[in-house]
Amino acid sequence: MNRLDTLSSHLTANVNSIVPCAAVQRGYTRAEVAKHKTEKDCWVIIDKMVLDVTTFLPDHPGGKKAIMLFAGKDATEEFDMLHKREVIQKYTPNSIIGTLSD
């Protein structure tokens, strides 16, 4: 196995531990996230990640309504039933704005 294959294997193995980079990492409370529940300002919680998915709403394959049902809320259980975590990094990596602090 060459170094590129080794790196690729390592990254793939760690995709479930996605966290925002240090430059954008900030802790948000559930109360703060709950304020962002409109189509013009939509945040969701996936596990302990806080995502601003506002710009992704029109691109969501299941339609924006599927996300809006969980706007301002924890969508982890429903997200995990339908998706693998790596879709976040694949389709909307810039949506991760911080972590849940409570």
C-alpha atoms as a PDB file:
ATOM      1  CA  MET A   1       0.000   0.000   0.000  1.00  0.00           C
ATOM      2  CA  ASN A   2       1.460   3.390  -0.970  1.00  0.00           C
ATOM      3  CA  ARG A   3       1.260   6.537   1.147  1.00  0.00           C
ATOM      4  CA  LEU A   4      -1.726   7.918  -0.760  1.00  0.00           C
ATOM      5  CA  ASP A   5      -3.683   4.697  -0.183  1.00  0.00           C
ATOM      6  CA  THR A   6      -2.763   4.787   3.493  1.00  0.00           C
ATOM      7  CA  LEU A   7      -3.953   8.385   3.817  1.00  0.00           C
ATOM      8  CA  SER A   8      -7.157   7.608   1.945  1.00  0.00           C
ATOM      9  CA  SER A   9      -7.869   4.643   4.232  1.00  0.00           C
ATOM     10  CA  HIS A  10      -7.235   6.764   7.306  1.00  0.00           C
ATOM     11  CA  LEU A  11      -9.565   9.531   6.126  1.00  0.00           C
ATOM     12  CA  THR A  12     -12.296   7.073   5.196  1.00  0.00           C
ATOM     13  CA  ALA A  13     -12.031   5.348   8.571  1.00  0.00           C
ATOM     14  CA  ASN A  14     -12.413   8.670  10.355  1.00  0.00           C
ATOM     15  CA  VAL A  15     -15.263  10.165   8.337  1.00  0.00           C
ATOM     16  CA  ASN A  16     -17.732   9.545  11.168  1.00  0.00           C
ATOM     17  CA  SER A  17     -15.791  11.855  13.431  1.00  0.00           C
ATOM     18  CA  ILE A  18     -16.357  14.942  11.281  1.00  0.00           C
ATOM     19  CA  VAL A  19     -15.859  18.157  13.208  1.00  0.00           C
ATOM     20  CA  PRO A  20     -15.538  21.713  11.985  1.00  0.00           C
ATOM     21  CA  CYS A  21     -12.044  23.108  11.626  1.00  0.00           C
ATOM     22  CA  ALA A  22     -10.655  25.124  14.528  1.00  0.00           C
ATOM     23  CA  ALA A  23     -11.198  28.395  12.657  1.00  0.00           C
ATOM     24  CA  VAL A  24     -14.983  27.943  12.657  1.00  0.00           C
ATOM     25  CA  GLN A  25     -15.522  25.770  15.676  1.00  0.00           C
ATOM     26  CA  ARG A  26     -17.773  27.391  18.209  1.00  0.00           C
ATOM     27  CA  GLY A  27     -20.100  26.011  20.796  1.00  0.00           C
ATOM     28  CA  TYR A  28     -23.838  26.677  20.402  1.00  0.00           C
ATOM     29  CA  THR A  29     -26.619  25.874  22.838  1.00  0.00           C
ATOM     30  CA  ARG A  30     -29.842  24.185  21.779  1.00  0.00           C
ATOM     31  CA  ALA A  31     -31.610  27.475  22.552  1.00  0.00           C
ATOM     32  CA  GLU A  32     -29.332  29.324  20.119  1.00  0.00           C
ATOM     33  CA  VAL A  33     -29.924  26.749  17.391  1.00  0.00           C
ATOM     34  CA  ALA A  34     -33.690  26.918  17.973  1.00  0.00           C
ATOM     35  CA  LYS A  35     -33.711  30.570  16.841  1.00  0.00           C
ATOM     36  CA  HIS A  36     -32.683  29.537  13.326  1.00  0.00           C
ATOM     37  CA  LYS A  37     -35.813  27.890  11.962  1.00  0.00           C
ATOM     38  CA  THR A  38     -36.796  29.713   8.793  1.00  0.00           C
ATOM     39  CA  GLU A  39     -36.026  29.130   5.129  1.00  0.00           C
ATOM     40  CA  LYS A  40     -33.825  32.243   5.196  1.00  0.00           C
ATOM     41  CA  ASP A  41     -31.945  31.092   8.321  1.00  0.00           C
ATOM     42  CA  CYS A  42     -31.995  27.334   8.875  1.00  0.00           C
ATOM     43  CA  TRP A  43     -29.761  25.474  11.327  1.00  0.00           C
ATOM     44  CA  VAL A  44     -29.949  21.842  12.394  1.00  0.00           C
ATOM     45  CA  ILE A  45     -28.099  19.611  14.822  1.00  0.00           C
ATOM     46  CA  ILE A  46     -26.593  16.334  13.605  1.00  0.00           C
ATOM     47  CA  ASP A  47     -25.047  14.460  16.507  1.00  0.00           C
ATOM     48  CA  LYS A  48     -23.032  17.195  18.198  1.00  0.00           C
ATOM     49  CA  MET A  49     -22.468  19.225  15.030  1.00  0.00           C
ATOM     50  CA  VAL A  50     -24.341  22.452  14.342  1.00  0.00           C
ATOM     51  CA  LEU A  51     -25.013  22.999  10.650  1.00  0.00           C
ATOM     52  CA  ASP A  52     -26.258  26.108   8.876  1.00  0.00           C
ATOM     53  CA  VAL A  53     -28.068  24.481   5.949  1.00  0.00           C
ATOM     54  CA  THR A  54     -29.784  27.609   4.647  1.00  0.00           C
ATOM     55  CA  THR A  55     -27.978  27.658   1.302  1.00  0.00           C
ATOM     56  CA  PHE A  56     -28.344  23.884   0.895  1.00  0.00           C
ATOM     57  CA  LEU A  57     -32.157  23.877   1.210  1.00  0.00           C
ATOM     58  CA  PRO A  58     -32.901  24.282  -2.526  1.00  0.00           C
ATOM     59  CA  ASP A  59     -30.340  21.590  -3.401  1.00  0.00           C
ATOM     60  CA  HIS A  60     -31.542  18.894  -0.987  1.00  0.00           C
ATOM     61  CA  PRO A  61     -32.628  15.878  -3.085  1.00  0.00           C
ATOM     62  CA  GLY A  62     -35.549  15.191  -0.749  1.00  0.00           C
ATOM     63  CA  GLY A  63     -36.742  18.782  -0.972  1.00  0.00           C
ATOM     64  CA  LYS A  64     -36.343  21.621   1.479  1.00  0.00           C
ATOM     65  CA  LYS A  65     -39.453  20.601   3.413  1.00  0.00           C
ATOM     66  CA  ALA A  66     -37.653  17.465   4.626  1.00  0.00           C
ATOM     67  CA  ILE A  67     -35.036  19.661   6.303  1.00  0.00           C
ATOM     68  CA  MET A  68     -37.463  22.364   7.423  1.00  0.00           C
ATOM     69  CA  LEU A  69     -39.299  19.815   9.585  1.00  0.00           C
ATOM     70  CA  PHE A  70     -36.166  19.859  11.782  1.00  0.00           C
ATOM     71  CA  ALA A  71     -35.156  23.499  11.415  1.00  0.00           C
ATOM     72  CA  GLY A  72     -33.738  24.703  14.715  1.00  0.00           C
ATOM     73  CA  LYS A  73     -33.829  21.175  16.138  1.00  0.00           C
ATOM     74  CA  ASP A  74     -31.830  17.998  16.547  1.00  0.00           C
ATOM     75  CA  ALA A  75     -32.269  15.979  13.351  1.00  0.00           C
ATOM     76  CA  THR A  76     -29.768  13.242  14.232  1.00  0.00           C
ATOM     77  CA  GLU A  77     -32.139  10.290  14.494  1.00  0.00           C
ATOM     78  CA  GLU A  78     -33.978  11.030  11.264  1.00  0.00           C
ATOM     79  CA  PHE A  79     -30.771  11.970   9.412  1.00  0.00           C
ATOM     80  CA  ASP A  80     -29.102   8.704  10.424  1.00  0.00           C
ATOM     81  CA  MET A  81     -32.082   6.674   9.212  1.00  0.00           C
ATOM     82  CA  LEU A  82     -31.664   8.067   5.696  1.00  0.00           C
ATOM     83  CA  HIS A  83     -28.042   9.107   5.268  1.00  0.00           C
ATOM     84  CA  LYS A  84     -24.457   8.230   5.991  1.00  0.00           C
ATOM     85  CA  ARG A  85     -22.572  10.982   7.797  1.00  0.00           C
ATOM     86  CA  GLU A  86     -20.107  11.415   4.951  1.00  0.00           C
ATOM     87  CA  VAL A  87     -22.830  13.037   2.812  1.00  0.00           C
ATOM     88  CA  ILE A  88     -22.351  16.171   4.896  1.00  0.00           C
ATOM     89  CA  GLN A  89     -18.749  16.526   3.789  1.00  0.00           C
ATOM     90  CA  LYS A  90     -19.592  15.494   0.223  1.00  0.00           C
ATOM     91  CA  TYR A  91     -22.527  17.808  -0.448  1.00  0.00           C
ATOM     92  CA  THR A  92     -22.337  20.658   2.032  1.00  0.00           C
ATOM     93  CA  PRO A  93     -19.029  20.717   3.943  1.00  0.00           C
ATOM     94  CA  ASN A  94     -19.201  24.451   4.607  1.00  0.00           C
ATOM     95  CA  SER A  95     -22.458  24.057   6.513  1.00  0.00           C
ATOM     96  CA  ILE A  96     -20.690  22.860   9.680  1.00  0.00           C
ATOM     97  CA  ILE A  97     -20.462  26.013  11.791  1.00  0.00           C
ATOM     98  CA  GLY A  98     -19.775  24.602  15.231  1.00  0.00           C
ATOM     99  CA  THR A  99     -20.609  22.078  17.888  1.00  0.00           C
ATOM    100  CA  LEU A 100     -23.355  21.653  20.423  1.00  0.00           C
ATOM    101  CA  SER A 101     -22.304  22.917  23.828  1.00  0.00           C
ATOM    102  CA  ASP A 102     -25.184  21.612  25.954  1.00  0.00           C
END
